[in-house]
Amino acid sequence: SSASLTRRAVASAVIVSIGTLGGVISGQIYQANQKPRYFLGNTIALSFIILQTILVLILRLVFICINRKRSRMNDEEIKKQIERYGGIELAGDRHPEFHYTL
């Protein structure tokens, strides 16, 4: 849900980088001396899954608040917001009529 090309490119790069780090980290947390249960590795992996779930829920709440705020804007506020970000073309996902898909 990011509108400008630069922000999309940066978001894609960050996502790929984080995904690549998963492979690096897994080789360190799943150690041969802990097999067959790999308690430490599974605990760390579960912790990251829980953290990710919490962050997704927080981000969803933030997007809900932003969507509600934008829905309540009148025409004058919309115009000011567009001017603040340099016009319709430059506003991107900051445009008042842009709503995040949930």
N, C-alpha and C. Protein backbone atom coordinates (compact mmCIF):
# COMPACT_ATOMS: atom_id res chain seq x y z
N SER A 1 0.82 -1.20 0.00
CA SER A 1 0.00 0.00 0.00
C SER A 1 0.86 1.26 0.00
N SER A 2 1.89 1.28 -0.76
CA SER A 2 2.66 2.52 -0.89
C SER A 2 2.62 2.96 -2.34
N ALA A 3 2.35 4.23 -2.56
CA ALA A 3 2.01 4.69 -3.89
C ALA A 3 3.20 5.13 -4.73
N SER A 4 4.16 5.84 -4.18
CA SER A 4 5.23 6.38 -5.01
C SER A 4 6.22 5.29 -5.41
N LEU A 5 6.85 5.49 -6.56
CA LEU A 5 7.79 4.49 -7.08
C LEU A 5 8.99 4.30 -6.15
N THR A 6 9.50 5.39 -5.60
CA THR A 6 10.65 5.30 -4.70
C THR A 6 10.30 4.49 -3.46
N ARG A 7 9.15 4.78 -2.89
CA ARG A 7 8.75 4.07 -1.68
C ARG A 7 8.50 2.59 -1.96
N ARG A 8 7.95 2.28 -3.13
CA ARG A 8 7.74 0.87 -3.49
C ARG A 8 9.07 0.15 -3.65
N ALA A 9 10.02 0.82 -4.31
CA ALA A 9 11.33 0.20 -4.52
C ALA A 9 12.04 -0.06 -3.20
N VAL A 10 12.00 0.90 -2.30
CA VAL A 10 12.63 0.74 -0.99
C VAL A 10 11.93 -0.36 -0.19
N ALA A 11 10.61 -0.38 -0.24
CA ALA A 11 9.86 -1.42 0.49
C ALA A 11 10.21 -2.81 -0.04
N SER A 12 10.31 -2.95 -1.36
CA SER A 12 10.68 -4.24 -1.94
C SER A 12 12.08 -4.66 -1.51
N ALA A 13 13.01 -3.71 -1.52
CA ALA A 13 14.39 -4.02 -1.12
C ALA A 13 14.45 -4.45 0.35
N VAL A 14 13.71 -3.78 1.21
CA VAL A 14 13.71 -4.12 2.63
C VAL A 14 13.11 -5.52 2.84
N ILE A 15 12.04 -5.83 2.14
CA ILE A 15 11.40 -7.14 2.28
C ILE A 15 12.34 -8.26 1.84
N VAL A 16 13.01 -8.07 0.71
CA VAL A 16 13.95 -9.07 0.22
C VAL A 16 15.12 -9.22 1.19
N SER A 17 15.62 -8.11 1.71
CA SER A 17 16.74 -8.15 2.66
C SER A 17 16.37 -8.91 3.93
N ILE A 18 15.21 -8.64 4.46
CA ILE A 18 14.77 -9.33 5.68
C ILE A 18 14.58 -10.81 5.41
N GLY A 19 14.01 -11.15 4.25
CA GLY A 19 13.85 -12.56 3.89
C GLY A 19 15.18 -13.28 3.78
N THR A 20 16.17 -12.61 3.23
CA THR A 20 17.50 -13.19 3.09
C THR A 20 18.16 -13.39 4.46
N LEU A 21 17.93 -12.46 5.35
CA LEU A 21 18.49 -12.58 6.71
C LEU A 21 17.95 -13.81 7.43
N GLY A 22 16.73 -14.22 7.09
CA GLY A 22 16.15 -15.42 7.70
C GLY A 22 17.01 -16.64 7.48
N GLY A 23 17.54 -16.78 6.26
CA GLY A 23 18.41 -17.92 5.97
C GLY A 23 19.72 -17.86 6.73
N VAL A 24 20.25 -16.67 6.89
CA VAL A 24 21.51 -16.50 7.63
C VAL A 24 21.30 -16.81 9.11
N ILE A 25 20.22 -16.29 9.66
CA ILE A 25 19.96 -16.48 11.09
C ILE A 25 19.63 -17.94 11.40
N SER A 26 18.86 -18.59 10.52
CA SER A 26 18.46 -19.98 10.82
C SER A 26 19.66 -20.91 10.93
N GLY A 27 20.71 -20.64 10.17
CA GLY A 27 21.91 -21.46 10.28
C GLY A 27 22.62 -21.30 11.61
N GLN A 28 22.37 -20.20 12.27
CA GLN A 28 23.01 -19.95 13.56
C GLN A 28 22.17 -20.42 14.75
N ILE A 29 20.84 -20.36 14.63
CA ILE A 29 20.01 -20.71 15.79
C ILE A 29 19.66 -22.19 15.84
N TYR A 30 19.71 -22.89 14.70
CA TYR A 30 19.47 -24.33 14.69
C TYR A 30 20.82 -25.04 14.65
N GLN A 31 21.35 -25.31 15.83
CA GLN A 31 22.69 -25.89 15.94
C GLN A 31 22.61 -27.41 16.09
N ALA A 32 23.60 -28.08 15.55
CA ALA A 32 23.62 -29.54 15.53
C ALA A 32 23.61 -30.14 16.93
N ASN A 33 24.20 -29.46 17.90
CA ASN A 33 24.26 -30.02 19.26
C ASN A 33 22.90 -29.98 19.97
N GLN A 34 21.90 -29.39 19.37
CA GLN A 34 20.57 -29.31 20.00
C GLN A 34 19.56 -30.27 19.36
N LYS A 35 19.99 -31.05 18.37
CA LYS A 35 19.03 -31.93 17.72
C LYS A 35 18.63 -33.06 18.63
N PRO A 36 17.52 -33.67 18.52
CA PRO A 36 16.53 -33.53 17.47
C PRO A 36 15.44 -32.50 17.78
N ARG A 37 15.41 -31.93 18.97
CA ARG A 37 14.30 -31.05 19.35
C ARG A 37 14.54 -29.59 18.98
N TYR A 38 15.77 -29.15 18.90
CA TYR A 38 16.13 -27.77 18.55
C TYR A 38 15.31 -26.75 19.36
N PHE A 39 15.34 -26.91 20.67
CA PHE A 39 14.52 -26.06 21.55
C PHE A 39 14.86 -24.58 21.37
N LEU A 40 16.14 -24.22 21.37
CA LEU A 40 16.53 -22.81 21.24
C LEU A 40 16.09 -22.24 19.89
N GLY A 41 16.34 -22.96 18.82
CA GLY A 41 15.96 -22.49 17.49
C GLY A 41 14.47 -22.32 17.34
N ASN A 42 13.71 -23.30 17.82
CA ASN A 42 12.25 -23.22 17.73
C ASN A 42 11.69 -22.10 18.61
N THR A 43 12.29 -21.88 19.76
CA THR A 43 11.86 -20.79 20.65
C THR A 43 12.10 -19.44 20.00
N ILE A 44 13.26 -19.27 19.41
CA ILE A 44 13.57 -18.00 18.73
C ILE A 44 12.63 -17.81 17.54
N ALA A 45 12.41 -18.85 16.75
CA ALA A 45 11.52 -18.74 15.59
C ALA A 45 10.09 -18.40 16.03
N LEU A 46 9.61 -19.05 17.07
CA LEU A 46 8.27 -18.76 17.58
C LEU A 46 8.18 -17.33 18.11
N SER A 47 9.23 -16.87 18.75
CA SER A 47 9.25 -15.49 19.26
C SER A 47 9.13 -14.49 18.12
N PHE A 48 9.83 -14.74 17.02
CA PHE A 48 9.74 -13.84 15.87
C PHE A 48 8.36 -13.89 15.22
N ILE A 49 7.74 -15.06 15.20
CA ILE A 49 6.39 -15.18 14.65
C ILE A 49 5.41 -14.38 15.50
N ILE A 50 5.53 -14.47 16.82
CA ILE A 50 4.67 -13.71 17.72
C ILE A 50 4.90 -12.21 17.54
N LEU A 51 6.17 -11.79 17.46
CA LEU A 51 6.49 -10.39 17.24
C LEU A 51 5.90 -9.89 15.93
N GLN A 52 6.04 -10.68 14.87
CA GLN A 52 5.49 -10.31 13.57
C GLN A 52 3.98 -10.13 13.65
N THR A 53 3.29 -11.04 14.32
CA THR A 53 1.84 -10.96 14.46
C THR A 53 1.43 -9.69 15.19
N ILE A 54 2.14 -9.37 16.26
CA ILE A 54 1.85 -8.14 17.02
C ILE A 54 2.06 -6.91 16.14
N LEU A 55 3.17 -6.88 15.39
CA LEU A 55 3.45 -5.73 14.52
C LEU A 55 2.42 -5.60 13.41
N VAL A 56 1.95 -6.71 12.86
CA VAL A 56 0.92 -6.67 11.82
C VAL A 56 -0.38 -6.10 12.39
N LEU A 57 -0.74 -6.52 13.59
CA LEU A 57 -1.96 -6.00 14.23
C LEU A 57 -1.85 -4.51 14.51
N ILE A 58 -0.69 -4.07 14.98
CA ILE A 58 -0.48 -2.65 15.23
C ILE A 58 -0.57 -1.86 13.93
N LEU A 59 0.07 -2.36 12.88
CA LEU A 59 0.03 -1.68 11.58
C LEU A 59 -1.41 -1.62 11.05
N ARG A 60 -2.16 -2.68 11.25
CA ARG A 60 -3.56 -2.68 10.81
C ARG A 60 -4.36 -1.61 11.56
N LEU A 61 -4.14 -1.48 12.85
CA LEU A 61 -4.83 -0.44 13.62
C LEU A 61 -4.44 0.96 13.16
N VAL A 62 -3.16 1.15 12.86
CA VAL A 62 -2.69 2.44 12.35
C VAL A 62 -3.38 2.76 11.02
N PHE A 63 -3.46 1.78 10.12
CA PHE A 63 -4.11 2.00 8.83
C PHE A 63 -5.60 2.29 8.99
N ILE A 64 -6.26 1.62 9.93
CA ILE A 64 -7.67 1.89 10.20
C ILE A 64 -7.85 3.33 10.66
N CYS A 65 -6.99 3.80 11.57
CA CYS A 65 -7.07 5.18 12.06
C CYS A 65 -6.82 6.18 10.93
N ILE A 66 -5.83 5.91 10.09
CA ILE A 66 -5.53 6.81 8.97
C ILE A 66 -6.72 6.86 8.01
N ASN A 67 -7.30 5.71 7.68
CA ASN A 67 -8.45 5.67 6.78
C ASN A 67 -9.63 6.44 7.35
N ARG A 68 -9.89 6.28 8.63
CA ARG A 68 -11.01 7.01 9.27
C ARG A 68 -10.76 8.52 9.26
N LYS A 69 -9.53 8.92 9.55
CA LYS A 69 -9.18 10.34 9.55
C LYS A 69 -9.38 10.93 8.16
N ARG A 70 -8.94 10.22 7.14
CA ARG A 70 -9.08 10.71 5.77
C ARG A 70 -10.54 10.75 5.34
N SER A 71 -11.35 9.82 5.81
CA SER A 71 -12.77 9.80 5.45
C SER A 71 -13.51 11.00 6.03
N ARG A 72 -13.04 11.52 7.15
CA ARG A 72 -13.70 12.65 7.81
C ARG A 72 -13.25 14.01 7.29
N MET A 73 -12.27 14.04 6.38
CA MET A 73 -11.75 15.31 5.88
C MET A 73 -12.76 15.98 4.95
N ASN A 74 -12.88 17.32 5.09
CA ASN A 74 -13.73 18.07 4.16
C ASN A 74 -12.89 18.52 2.97
N ASP A 75 -13.54 19.16 2.00
CA ASP A 75 -12.85 19.54 0.75
C ASP A 75 -11.68 20.49 1.00
N GLU A 76 -11.83 21.41 1.93
CA GLU A 76 -10.74 22.36 2.22
C GLU A 76 -9.54 21.65 2.83
N GLU A 77 -9.79 20.74 3.75
CA GLU A 77 -8.69 19.98 4.36
C GLU A 77 -7.99 19.10 3.32
N ILE A 78 -8.77 18.53 2.41
CA ILE A 78 -8.18 17.71 1.34
C ILE A 78 -7.26 18.55 0.48
N LYS A 79 -7.72 19.73 0.11
CA LYS A 79 -6.93 20.63 -0.73
C LYS A 79 -5.62 21.02 -0.02
N LYS A 80 -5.70 21.36 1.27
CA LYS A 80 -4.49 21.71 2.03
C LYS A 80 -3.52 20.54 2.12
N GLN A 81 -4.04 19.37 2.31
CA GLN A 81 -3.19 18.18 2.42
C GLN A 81 -2.46 17.92 1.10
N ILE A 82 -3.17 18.06 -0.01
CA ILE A 82 -2.56 17.85 -1.32
C ILE A 82 -1.46 18.88 -1.56
N GLU A 83 -1.73 20.14 -1.23
CA GLU A 83 -0.73 21.20 -1.40
C GLU A 83 0.48 20.97 -0.50
N ARG A 84 0.24 20.45 0.67
CA ARG A 84 1.32 20.20 1.62
C ARG A 84 2.37 19.24 1.04
N TYR A 85 1.92 18.27 0.25
CA TYR A 85 2.83 17.27 -0.31
C TYR A 85 3.22 17.57 -1.74
N GLY A 86 2.94 18.77 -2.24
CA GLY A 86 3.43 19.18 -3.55
C GLY A 86 2.55 18.86 -4.73
N GLY A 87 1.28 18.64 -4.51
CA GLY A 87 0.36 18.39 -5.61
C GLY A 87 -0.09 16.95 -5.69
N ILE A 88 -1.04 16.72 -6.59
CA ILE A 88 -1.65 15.39 -6.71
C ILE A 88 -0.63 14.32 -7.08
N GLU A 89 0.26 14.67 -8.03
CA GLU A 89 1.23 13.68 -8.51
C GLU A 89 2.24 13.27 -7.44
N LEU A 90 2.58 14.19 -6.55
CA LEU A 90 3.61 13.91 -5.55
C LEU A 90 3.04 13.41 -4.22
N ALA A 91 1.73 13.52 -4.04
CA ALA A 91 1.13 13.12 -2.76
C ALA A 91 1.22 11.61 -2.54
N GLY A 92 1.07 10.83 -3.62
CA GLY A 92 1.18 9.38 -3.50
C GLY A 92 0.21 8.80 -2.50
N ASP A 93 0.70 7.97 -1.59
CA ASP A 93 -0.19 7.37 -0.59
C ASP A 93 -0.52 8.34 0.53
N ARG A 94 -0.01 9.55 0.46
CA ARG A 94 -0.39 10.58 1.43
C ARG A 94 -1.58 11.40 0.94
N HIS A 95 -2.03 11.10 -0.28
CA HIS A 95 -3.19 11.79 -0.83
C HIS A 95 -4.39 11.48 0.06
N PRO A 96 -5.20 12.48 0.41
CA PRO A 96 -6.33 12.26 1.33
C PRO A 96 -7.38 11.26 0.82
N GLU A 97 -7.43 11.06 -0.48
CA GLU A 97 -8.42 10.12 -1.02
C GLU A 97 -7.83 8.72 -1.20
N PHE A 98 -6.57 8.54 -0.85
CA PHE A 98 -5.94 7.21 -0.86
C PHE A 98 -6.32 6.50 0.43
N HIS A 99 -6.88 5.32 0.31
CA HIS A 99 -7.25 4.53 1.49
C HIS A 99 -6.53 3.19 1.44
N TYR A 100 -6.00 2.80 2.56
CA TYR A 100 -5.30 1.52 2.66
C TYR A 100 -6.30 0.38 2.57
N THR A 101 -5.96 -0.65 1.83
CA THR A 101 -6.80 -1.84 1.73
C THR A 101 -6.47 -2.76 2.90
N LEU A 102 -7.49 -3.13 3.64
CA LEU A 102 -7.28 -3.95 4.85
C LEU A 102 -7.83 -5.34 4.65
